[in-house]
Amino acid sequence: MDAYPTIPIDGAAALAAHGRWLRTVILARTGEPAAVDDVFQEVALAVSKPQVQWQAVARVEPFLYRLAVRQSLLYRRRVGRQRRLQLRWMNENGRPAEDRLDPGEWLLAMELRQTVREALQTLLPKDREILLLKYTEDWSYHQLVAHLGIGHSAVEARLHRARQRLRDRLIETSVSETIR
């Protein structure tokens, strides 16, 4: 004999009767008003499945509550995965997360990067090379010394001169205020 008596349940009627408070539960669990309809739809799909899951239901309300909570958690997990993937893609493609928050700042940063690239192209190859190794490869002075086969003071002097030449090129293009 079953511990809980089973009752026949009409899923559509149950959702119609309890839909309002279920939506409130979903909103409280997801924190996103736009997600309420999506999650409620998932609850409705779960309720419309074959009656196998209804066999141990003694009361409809706790069952619907648990179902709404479960679907809300699954939604948050799915959205969290999507956000992490988007952030990882943004970081891997040179667009940090803060760039995507303000399109105006992102556009200015992209224009500044383009201006710096153009100024770099006007430099001598040895100046461009040492700046790119230092700042794009993030090499230390010791790594530059080891790879370029020159002394520490020569690396310092070349970097200083290359930075000054780049700064001069950028001043010529009136970007000096943004750089400083």
N, C-alpha and C. Protein backbone atom coordinates (compact mmCIF):
# COMPACT_ATOMS: atom_id res chain seq x y z
N MET A 1 0.84 -1.18 0.00
CA MET A 1 0.00 0.00 0.00
C MET A 1 0.89 1.24 0.00
N ASP A 2 0.53 2.24 -0.77
CA ASP A 2 1.31 3.47 -0.88
C ASP A 2 1.15 4.32 0.37
N ALA A 3 2.24 5.00 0.75
CA ALA A 3 2.19 5.90 1.89
C ALA A 3 1.39 7.15 1.56
N TYR A 4 1.43 7.53 0.32
CA TYR A 4 0.70 8.71 -0.11
C TYR A 4 -0.40 8.28 -1.07
N PRO A 5 -1.61 8.71 -0.79
CA PRO A 5 -2.67 8.38 -1.74
C PRO A 5 -2.48 9.23 -2.99
N THR A 6 -2.65 8.62 -4.13
CA THR A 6 -2.51 9.35 -5.37
C THR A 6 -3.85 9.91 -5.78
N ILE A 7 -3.78 11.08 -6.40
CA ILE A 7 -5.00 11.72 -6.87
C ILE A 7 -4.82 12.03 -8.35
N PRO A 8 -5.85 11.94 -9.10
CA PRO A 8 -5.73 12.30 -10.52
C PRO A 8 -5.55 13.82 -10.64
N ILE A 9 -4.58 14.22 -11.46
CA ILE A 9 -4.25 15.64 -11.58
C ILE A 9 -4.33 16.05 -13.05
N ASP A 10 -4.97 17.16 -13.27
CA ASP A 10 -4.99 17.76 -14.59
C ASP A 10 -3.91 18.85 -14.58
N GLY A 11 -2.81 18.62 -15.34
CA GLY A 11 -1.67 19.54 -15.32
C GLY A 11 -2.02 20.94 -15.74
N ALA A 12 -2.81 21.09 -16.79
CA ALA A 12 -3.17 22.42 -17.28
C ALA A 12 -4.01 23.16 -16.24
N ALA A 13 -4.93 22.46 -15.60
CA ALA A 13 -5.76 23.09 -14.57
C ALA A 13 -4.91 23.47 -13.36
N ALA A 14 -3.96 22.60 -13.00
CA ALA A 14 -3.09 22.90 -11.86
C ALA A 14 -2.25 24.14 -12.13
N LEU A 15 -1.71 24.26 -13.34
CA LEU A 15 -0.91 25.44 -13.67
C LEU A 15 -1.76 26.70 -13.73
N ALA A 16 -2.98 26.57 -14.23
CA ALA A 16 -3.87 27.72 -14.28
C ALA A 16 -4.23 28.20 -12.87
N ALA A 17 -4.45 27.25 -11.97
CA ALA A 17 -4.84 27.60 -10.61
C ALA A 17 -3.68 28.15 -9.78
N HIS A 18 -2.47 27.65 -10.04
CA HIS A 18 -1.32 28.01 -9.21
C HIS A 18 -0.26 28.82 -9.96
N GLY A 19 -0.57 29.23 -11.17
CA GLY A 19 0.41 29.93 -12.01
C GLY A 19 0.93 31.22 -11.43
N ARG A 20 0.08 31.99 -10.78
CA ARG A 20 0.50 33.30 -10.25
C ARG A 20 1.59 33.17 -9.20
N TRP A 21 1.37 32.34 -8.19
CA TRP A 21 2.39 32.22 -7.14
C TRP A 21 3.62 31.46 -7.64
N LEU A 22 3.42 30.55 -8.61
CA LEU A 22 4.58 29.86 -9.18
C LEU A 22 5.49 30.86 -9.91
N ARG A 23 4.88 31.80 -10.62
CA ARG A 23 5.67 32.84 -11.29
C ARG A 23 6.43 33.69 -10.28
N THR A 24 5.81 33.94 -9.13
CA THR A 24 6.49 34.70 -8.07
C THR A 24 7.69 33.92 -7.54
N VAL A 25 7.52 32.63 -7.35
CA VAL A 25 8.62 31.78 -6.90
C VAL A 25 9.76 31.79 -7.92
N ILE A 26 9.39 31.68 -9.18
CA ILE A 26 10.40 31.67 -10.25
C ILE A 26 11.14 33.00 -10.29
N LEU A 27 10.41 34.11 -10.17
CA LEU A 27 11.06 35.43 -10.16
C LEU A 27 12.01 35.55 -8.97
N ALA A 28 11.58 35.08 -7.82
CA ALA A 28 12.44 35.15 -6.63
C ALA A 28 13.69 34.30 -6.79
N ARG A 29 13.57 33.15 -7.44
CA ARG A 29 14.72 32.25 -7.60
C ARG A 29 15.67 32.69 -8.71
N THR A 30 15.14 33.24 -9.80
CA THR A 30 16.01 33.63 -10.91
C THR A 30 16.50 35.07 -10.77
N GLY A 31 15.67 35.93 -10.20
CA GLY A 31 16.04 37.33 -10.09
C GLY A 31 15.92 38.09 -11.39
N GLU A 32 15.36 37.47 -12.41
CA GLU A 32 15.24 38.11 -13.72
C GLU A 32 13.79 38.05 -14.19
N PRO A 33 13.14 39.21 -14.29
CA PRO A 33 11.75 39.21 -14.77
C PRO A 33 11.61 38.62 -16.17
N ALA A 34 12.61 38.80 -17.01
CA ALA A 34 12.55 38.26 -18.37
C ALA A 34 12.60 36.74 -18.39
N ALA A 35 13.08 36.13 -17.33
CA ALA A 35 13.24 34.68 -17.30
C ALA A 35 11.98 33.96 -16.83
N VAL A 36 11.05 34.68 -16.26
CA VAL A 36 9.88 34.04 -15.65
C VAL A 36 9.10 33.22 -16.68
N ASP A 37 8.83 33.79 -17.82
CA ASP A 37 8.05 33.06 -18.83
C ASP A 37 8.79 31.83 -19.34
N ASP A 38 10.11 31.96 -19.54
CA ASP A 38 10.89 30.82 -20.02
C ASP A 38 10.86 29.67 -19.02
N VAL A 39 11.08 29.99 -17.76
CA VAL A 39 11.11 28.94 -16.74
C VAL A 39 9.71 28.36 -16.52
N PHE A 40 8.69 29.22 -16.54
CA PHE A 40 7.33 28.72 -16.38
C PHE A 40 6.97 27.77 -17.52
N GLN A 41 7.45 28.07 -18.70
CA GLN A 41 7.22 27.17 -19.84
C GLN A 41 7.87 25.81 -19.59
N GLU A 42 9.09 25.82 -19.02
CA GLU A 42 9.75 24.55 -18.69
C GLU A 42 8.95 23.78 -17.64
N VAL A 43 8.37 24.49 -16.68
CA VAL A 43 7.52 23.84 -15.68
C VAL A 43 6.30 23.22 -16.37
N ALA A 44 5.70 23.96 -17.28
CA ALA A 44 4.53 23.45 -18.00
C ALA A 44 4.89 22.21 -18.82
N LEU A 45 6.05 22.21 -19.44
CA LEU A 45 6.49 21.03 -20.19
C LEU A 45 6.67 19.83 -19.27
N ALA A 46 7.26 20.08 -18.11
CA ALA A 46 7.47 18.98 -17.17
C ALA A 46 6.14 18.43 -16.66
N VAL A 47 5.16 19.30 -16.46
CA VAL A 47 3.85 18.87 -15.99
C VAL A 47 3.11 18.09 -17.07
N SER A 48 3.36 18.43 -18.33
CA SER A 48 2.63 17.77 -19.41
C SER A 48 3.20 16.40 -19.78
N LYS A 49 4.30 16.00 -19.15
CA LYS A 49 4.86 14.68 -19.41
C LYS A 49 3.89 13.61 -18.91
N PRO A 50 4.14 12.38 -19.30
CA PRO A 50 3.22 11.30 -18.88
C PRO A 50 2.99 11.27 -17.37
N GLN A 51 1.89 10.70 -16.97
CA GLN A 51 1.44 10.71 -15.59
C GLN A 51 2.32 9.91 -14.63
N VAL A 52 3.42 9.36 -15.10
CA VAL A 52 4.28 8.55 -14.23
C VAL A 52 4.76 9.37 -13.05
N GLN A 53 5.14 10.61 -13.28
CA GLN A 53 5.68 11.42 -12.19
C GLN A 53 4.60 11.86 -11.20
N TRP A 54 3.35 11.76 -11.58
CA TRP A 54 2.27 12.17 -10.70
C TRP A 54 1.86 11.08 -9.71
N GLN A 55 2.36 9.87 -9.88
CA GLN A 55 1.88 8.76 -9.06
C GLN A 55 2.12 8.95 -7.57
N ALA A 56 3.24 9.56 -7.18
CA ALA A 56 3.54 9.71 -5.76
C ALA A 56 3.16 11.09 -5.22
N VAL A 57 2.36 11.83 -5.94
CA VAL A 57 1.99 13.18 -5.53
C VAL A 57 0.75 13.12 -4.65
N ALA A 58 0.92 13.56 -3.42
CA ALA A 58 -0.22 13.60 -2.51
C ALA A 58 -0.91 14.96 -2.62
N ARG A 59 -0.10 16.01 -2.75
CA ARG A 59 -0.65 17.36 -2.90
C ARG A 59 0.02 18.02 -4.09
N VAL A 60 -0.73 18.76 -4.82
CA VAL A 60 -0.24 19.38 -6.04
C VAL A 60 0.71 20.54 -5.74
N GLU A 61 0.38 21.35 -4.75
CA GLU A 61 1.15 22.57 -4.50
C GLU A 61 2.63 22.30 -4.20
N PRO A 62 2.95 21.39 -3.27
CA PRO A 62 4.38 21.14 -3.01
C PRO A 62 5.10 20.58 -4.23
N PHE A 63 4.40 19.76 -5.00
CA PHE A 63 5.00 19.19 -6.19
C PHE A 63 5.33 20.29 -7.20
N LEU A 64 4.38 21.19 -7.44
CA LEU A 64 4.61 22.29 -8.38
C LEU A 64 5.70 23.23 -7.87
N TYR A 65 5.72 23.45 -6.55
CA TYR A 65 6.75 24.30 -5.96
C TYR A 65 8.14 23.71 -6.21
N ARG A 66 8.31 22.43 -5.92
CA ARG A 66 9.61 21.78 -6.13
C ARG A 66 10.00 21.80 -7.60
N LEU A 67 9.02 21.61 -8.46
CA LEU A 67 9.27 21.63 -9.89
C LEU A 67 9.71 23.03 -10.35
N ALA A 68 9.05 24.06 -9.85
CA ALA A 68 9.41 25.44 -10.20
C ALA A 68 10.81 25.78 -9.69
N VAL A 69 11.14 25.36 -8.47
CA VAL A 69 12.47 25.62 -7.92
C VAL A 69 13.53 24.89 -8.74
N ARG A 70 13.28 23.64 -9.06
CA ARG A 70 14.24 22.86 -9.85
C ARG A 70 14.47 23.50 -11.22
N GLN A 71 13.39 23.88 -11.88
CA GLN A 71 13.53 24.50 -13.21
C GLN A 71 14.22 25.86 -13.12
N SER A 72 13.99 26.60 -12.04
CA SER A 72 14.68 27.89 -11.84
C SER A 72 16.17 27.68 -11.67
N LEU A 73 16.53 26.67 -10.89
CA LEU A 73 17.95 26.38 -10.68
C LEU A 73 18.62 25.92 -11.98
N LEU A 74 17.92 25.11 -12.74
CA LEU A 74 18.47 24.67 -14.03
C LEU A 74 18.66 25.86 -14.97
N TYR A 75 17.71 26.79 -14.94
CA TYR A 75 17.82 27.99 -15.77
C TYR A 75 19.04 28.81 -15.35
N ARG A 76 19.20 29.02 -14.05
CA ARG A 76 20.35 29.81 -13.57
C ARG A 76 21.66 29.15 -13.92
N ARG A 77 21.72 27.84 -13.82
CA ARG A 77 22.93 27.11 -14.19
C ARG A 77 23.24 27.29 -15.67
N ARG A 78 22.20 27.17 -16.51
CA ARG A 78 22.39 27.31 -17.96
C ARG A 78 22.83 28.74 -18.32
N VAL A 79 22.20 29.73 -17.73
CA VAL A 79 22.56 31.13 -18.00
C VAL A 79 23.97 31.42 -17.48
N GLY A 80 24.32 30.87 -16.34
CA GLY A 80 25.66 31.07 -15.80
C GLY A 80 26.72 30.49 -16.73
N ARG A 81 26.46 29.31 -17.27
CA ARG A 81 27.39 28.71 -18.23
C ARG A 81 27.54 29.59 -19.47
N GLN A 82 26.43 30.10 -19.97
CA GLN A 82 26.47 30.96 -21.15
C GLN A 82 27.26 32.23 -20.86
N ARG A 83 27.06 32.82 -19.69
CA ARG A 83 27.79 34.04 -19.34
C ARG A 83 29.28 33.77 -19.22
N ARG A 84 29.64 32.66 -18.60
CA ARG A 84 31.07 32.33 -18.48
C ARG A 84 31.69 32.13 -19.85
N LEU A 85 30.97 31.46 -20.76
CA LEU A 85 31.48 31.28 -22.11
C LEU A 85 31.64 32.62 -22.83
N GLN A 86 30.68 33.51 -22.67
CA GLN A 86 30.77 34.82 -23.30
C GLN A 86 31.94 35.61 -22.75
N LEU A 87 32.11 35.60 -21.43
CA LEU A 87 33.23 36.32 -20.82
C LEU A 87 34.57 35.75 -21.26
N ARG A 88 34.65 34.42 -21.33
CA ARG A 88 35.90 33.81 -21.78
C ARG A 88 36.19 34.19 -23.22
N TRP A 89 35.16 34.17 -24.07
CA TRP A 89 35.35 34.56 -25.46
C TRP A 89 35.78 36.02 -25.55
N MET A 90 35.14 36.89 -24.77
CA MET A 90 35.49 38.31 -24.79
C MET A 90 36.93 38.50 -24.35
N ASN A 91 37.36 37.80 -23.32
CA ASN A 91 38.73 37.94 -22.84
C ASN A 91 39.74 37.38 -23.83
N GLU A 92 39.42 36.27 -24.46
CA GLU A 92 40.34 35.66 -25.42
C GLU A 92 40.46 36.47 -26.71
N ASN A 93 39.46 37.26 -27.01
CA ASN A 93 39.48 38.03 -28.25
C ASN A 93 39.79 39.50 -28.02
N GLY A 94 40.45 39.79 -26.92
CA GLY A 94 40.91 41.15 -26.67
C GLY A 94 39.84 42.13 -26.26
N ARG A 95 38.72 41.63 -25.81
CA ARG A 95 37.66 42.51 -25.37
C ARG A 95 37.29 42.14 -23.94
N PRO A 96 37.90 42.82 -22.96
CA PRO A 96 37.58 42.50 -21.58
C PRO A 96 36.11 42.74 -21.26
N ALA A 97 35.66 42.14 -20.19
CA ALA A 97 34.25 42.21 -19.83
C ALA A 97 33.78 43.64 -19.65
N GLU A 98 34.62 44.51 -19.10
CA GLU A 98 34.18 45.88 -18.88
C GLU A 98 33.97 46.63 -20.19
N ASP A 99 34.62 46.19 -21.28
CA ASP A 99 34.43 46.84 -22.58
C ASP A 99 33.02 46.65 -23.10
N ARG A 100 32.43 45.50 -22.83
CA ARG A 100 31.12 45.25 -23.40
C ARG A 100 30.02 45.96 -22.64
N LEU A 101 30.34 46.54 -21.47
CA LEU A 101 29.31 47.21 -20.70
C LEU A 101 28.99 48.59 -21.25
N ASP A 102 30.00 49.30 -21.79
CA ASP A 102 29.76 50.63 -22.31
C ASP A 102 30.27 50.70 -23.74
N PRO A 103 29.37 50.68 -24.71
CA PRO A 103 29.79 50.69 -26.11
C PRO A 103 30.60 51.92 -26.49
N GLY A 104 30.32 53.07 -25.89
CA GLY A 104 31.08 54.28 -26.20
C GLY A 104 32.53 54.16 -25.79
N GLU A 105 32.75 53.68 -24.57
CA GLU A 105 34.13 53.50 -24.11
C GLU A 105 34.84 52.43 -24.93
N TRP A 106 34.12 51.38 -25.29
CA TRP A 106 34.72 50.33 -26.10
C TRP A 106 35.16 50.89 -27.45
N LEU A 107 34.31 51.71 -28.05
CA LEU A 107 34.63 52.30 -29.35
C LEU A 107 35.85 53.21 -29.25
N LEU A 108 35.91 54.02 -28.19
CA LEU A 108 37.08 54.89 -28.00
C LEU A 108 38.35 54.06 -27.81
N ALA A 109 38.24 52.99 -27.04
CA ALA A 109 39.41 52.13 -26.83
C ALA A 109 39.86 51.48 -28.13
N MET A 110 38.91 51.06 -28.96
CA MET A 110 39.27 50.46 -30.25
C MET A 110 39.94 51.49 -31.17
N GLU A 111 39.43 52.73 -31.15
CA GLU A 111 40.05 53.78 -31.96
C GLU A 111 41.45 54.09 -31.47
N LEU A 112 41.63 54.10 -30.15
CA LEU A 112 42.95 54.34 -29.58
C LEU A 112 43.91 53.22 -29.97
N ARG A 113 43.46 51.98 -29.90
CA ARG A 113 44.30 50.85 -30.30
C ARG A 113 44.71 50.98 -31.77
N GLN A 114 43.76 51.37 -32.62
CA GLN A 114 44.06 51.53 -34.04
C GLN A 114 45.08 52.64 -34.25
N THR A 115 44.94 53.73 -33.51
CA THR A 115 45.89 54.83 -33.63
C THR A 115 47.27 54.40 -33.19
N VAL A 116 47.35 53.64 -32.11
CA VAL A 116 48.64 53.14 -31.63
C VAL A 116 49.24 52.18 -32.65
N ARG A 117 48.43 51.31 -33.23
CA ARG A 117 48.94 50.40 -34.27
C ARG A 117 49.51 51.19 -35.45
N GLU A 118 48.79 52.21 -35.89
CA GLU A 118 49.28 53.01 -37.01
C GLU A 118 50.58 53.73 -36.65
N ALA A 119 50.67 54.24 -35.43
CA ALA A 119 51.90 54.92 -35.00
C ALA A 119 53.05 53.93 -34.91
N LEU A 120 52.76 52.71 -34.46
CA LEU A 120 53.79 51.67 -34.39
C LEU A 120 54.34 51.36 -35.77
N GLN A 121 53.49 51.37 -36.77
CA GLN A 121 53.93 51.05 -38.14
C GLN A 121 54.90 52.10 -38.69
N THR A 122 54.87 53.30 -38.15
CA THR A 122 55.77 54.35 -38.64
C THR A 122 57.14 54.29 -37.98
N LEU A 123 57.28 53.48 -36.91
CA LEU A 123 58.56 53.38 -36.22
C LEU A 123 59.53 52.49 -37.00
N LEU A 124 60.80 52.61 -36.63
CA LEU A 124 61.82 51.72 -37.19
C LEU A 124 61.52 50.29 -36.74
N PRO A 125 61.89 49.31 -37.53
CA PRO A 125 61.59 47.91 -37.16
C PRO A 125 62.17 47.51 -35.80
N LYS A 126 63.38 47.98 -35.46
CA LYS A 126 63.95 47.57 -34.17
C LYS A 126 63.19 48.19 -33.01
N ASP A 127 62.66 49.41 -33.17
CA ASP A 127 61.85 50.03 -32.13
C ASP A 127 60.51 49.30 -31.98
N ARG A 128 59.89 49.04 -33.10
CA ARG A 128 58.61 48.33 -33.10
C ARG A 128 58.78 46.94 -32.47
N GLU A 129 59.87 46.26 -32.83
CA GLU A 129 60.13 44.91 -32.32
C GLU A 129 60.26 44.89 -30.80
N ILE A 130 61.05 45.81 -30.25
CA ILE A 130 61.28 45.77 -28.81
C ILE A 130 60.03 46.17 -28.04
N LEU A 131 59.25 47.11 -28.57
CA LEU A 131 58.00 47.49 -27.91
C LEU A 131 56.98 46.34 -27.94
N LEU A 132 56.88 45.69 -29.06
CA LEU A 132 55.93 44.57 -29.16
C LEU A 132 56.33 43.41 -28.27
N LEU A 133 57.64 43.11 -28.21
CA LEU A 133 58.09 42.03 -27.34
C LEU A 133 57.83 42.37 -25.86
N LYS A 134 58.07 43.60 -25.52
CA LYS A 134 57.89 44.01 -24.12
C LYS A 134 56.42 44.03 -23.72
N TYR A 135 55.56 44.59 -24.58
CA TYR A 135 54.18 44.83 -24.15
C TYR A 135 53.16 43.83 -24.67
N THR A 136 53.39 43.22 -25.81
CA THR A 136 52.41 42.21 -26.23
C THR A 136 52.79 40.82 -25.75
N GLU A 137 54.08 40.54 -25.71
CA GLU A 137 54.52 39.25 -25.18
C GLU A 137 54.75 39.30 -23.68
N ASP A 138 54.74 40.51 -23.11
CA ASP A 138 54.92 40.72 -21.67
C ASP A 138 56.26 40.18 -21.18
N TRP A 139 57.31 40.41 -21.98
CA TRP A 139 58.64 39.95 -21.61
C TRP A 139 59.26 40.90 -20.59
N SER A 140 60.02 40.33 -19.68
CA SER A 140 60.77 41.14 -18.71
C SER A 140 62.06 41.62 -19.36
N TYR A 141 62.75 42.51 -18.67
CA TYR A 141 64.04 43.00 -19.18
C TYR A 141 65.01 41.83 -19.34
N HIS A 142 65.00 40.91 -18.40
CA HIS A 142 65.90 39.75 -18.47
C HIS A 142 65.61 38.88 -19.69
N GLN A 143 64.35 38.70 -20.00
CA GLN A 143 64.00 37.92 -21.19
C GLN A 143 64.43 38.64 -22.46
N LEU A 144 64.26 39.96 -22.48
CA LEU A 144 64.70 40.73 -23.65
C LEU A 144 66.21 40.62 -23.83
N VAL A 145 66.94 40.74 -22.73
CA VAL A 145 68.41 40.62 -22.78
C VAL A 145 68.79 39.25 -23.33
N ALA A 146 68.17 38.20 -22.81
CA ALA A 146 68.52 36.84 -23.23
C ALA A 146 68.16 36.58 -24.69
N HIS A 147 67.03 37.06 -25.14
CA HIS A 147 66.58 36.77 -26.50
C HIS A 147 67.22 37.66 -27.55
N LEU A 148 67.49 38.90 -27.20
CA LEU A 148 68.05 39.83 -28.18
C LEU A 148 69.58 39.81 -28.21
N GLY A 149 70.17 39.25 -27.19
CA GLY A 149 71.63 39.16 -27.15
C GLY A 149 72.33 40.49 -26.93
N ILE A 150 71.66 41.40 -26.23
CA ILE A 150 72.27 42.69 -25.90
C ILE A 150 72.26 42.86 -24.40
N GLY A 151 72.97 43.85 -23.91
CA GLY A 151 73.08 44.06 -22.47
C GLY A 151 71.82 44.70 -21.87
N HIS A 152 71.77 44.65 -20.55
CA HIS A 152 70.63 45.19 -19.81
C HIS A 152 70.48 46.69 -20.06
N SER A 153 71.59 47.42 -20.00
CA SER A 153 71.52 48.87 -20.22
C SER A 153 71.11 49.18 -21.66
N ALA A 154 71.49 48.34 -22.61
CA ALA A 154 71.09 48.55 -24.00
C ALA A 154 69.59 48.34 -24.16
N VAL A 155 69.03 47.35 -23.47
CA VAL A 155 67.58 47.11 -23.51
C VAL A 155 66.85 48.31 -22.92
N GLU A 156 67.34 48.81 -21.78
CA GLU A 156 66.70 49.97 -21.17
C GLU A 156 66.74 51.17 -22.10
N ALA A 157 67.88 51.40 -22.70
CA ALA A 157 68.04 52.56 -23.59
C ALA A 157 67.15 52.42 -24.84
N ARG A 158 67.13 51.23 -25.43
CA ARG A 158 66.30 51.03 -26.63
C ARG A 158 64.82 51.17 -26.31
N LEU A 159 64.40 50.64 -25.18
CA LEU A 159 63.00 50.78 -24.79
C LEU A 159 62.66 52.24 -24.53
N HIS A 160 63.56 52.95 -23.85
CA HIS A 160 63.31 54.36 -23.57
C HIS A 160 63.17 55.16 -24.87
N ARG A 161 64.09 54.95 -25.79
CA ARG A 161 64.05 55.66 -27.07
C ARG A 161 62.82 55.26 -27.89
N ALA A 162 62.49 53.99 -27.90
CA ALA A 162 61.33 53.52 -28.67
C ALA A 162 60.03 54.10 -28.10
N ARG A 163 59.92 54.13 -26.77
CA ARG A 163 58.74 54.72 -26.15
C ARG A 163 58.64 56.21 -26.49
N GLN A 164 59.79 56.89 -26.44
CA GLN A 164 59.78 58.32 -26.75
C GLN A 164 59.37 58.57 -28.20
N ARG A 165 59.86 57.76 -29.12
CA ARG A 165 59.48 57.92 -30.53
C ARG A 165 58.00 57.63 -30.74
N LEU A 166 57.50 56.61 -30.07
CA LEU A 166 56.07 56.30 -30.17
C LEU A 166 55.24 57.44 -29.59
N ARG A 167 55.66 57.94 -28.45
CA ARG A 167 54.96 59.06 -27.82
C ARG A 167 54.94 60.26 -28.76
N ASP A 168 56.08 60.56 -29.41
CA ASP A 168 56.14 61.67 -30.35
C ASP A 168 55.17 61.47 -31.52
N ARG A 169 55.11 60.25 -32.04
CA ARG A 169 54.19 59.96 -33.15
C ARG A 169 52.73 60.15 -32.72
N LEU A 170 52.44 59.72 -31.51
CA LEU A 170 51.08 59.86 -31.01
C LEU A 170 50.73 61.32 -30.75
N ILE A 171 51.69 62.10 -30.30
CA ILE A 171 51.45 63.53 -30.10
C ILE A 171 51.18 64.20 -31.45
N GLU A 172 51.89 63.78 -32.47
CA GLU A 172 51.65 64.31 -33.80
C GLU A 172 50.22 64.04 -34.27
N THR A 173 49.66 62.93 -33.83
CA THR A 173 48.28 62.61 -34.23
C THR A 173 47.27 63.08 -33.19
N SER A 174 47.72 63.93 -32.27
CA SER A 174 46.89 64.56 -31.22
C SER A 174 46.16 63.56 -30.33
N VAL A 175 46.86 62.53 -29.95
CA VAL A 175 46.30 61.55 -29.02
C VAL A 175 46.97 61.67 -27.66
N SER A 176 47.81 62.65 -27.49
CA SER A 176 48.62 62.75 -26.29
C SER A 176 47.78 62.83 -25.01
N GLU A 177 46.64 63.51 -25.04
CA GLU A 177 45.83 63.64 -23.84
C GLU A 177 45.24 62.30 -23.40
N THR A 178 44.94 61.44 -24.34
CA THR A 178 44.37 60.14 -23.99
C THR A 178 45.43 59.21 -23.42
N ILE A 179 46.66 59.35 -23.87
CA ILE A 179 47.74 58.47 -23.43
C ILE A 179 48.17 58.83 -22.01
N ARG A 180 48.31 60.08 -21.72
CA ARG A 180 48.82 60.51 -20.41
C ARG A 180 47.79 60.29 -19.40
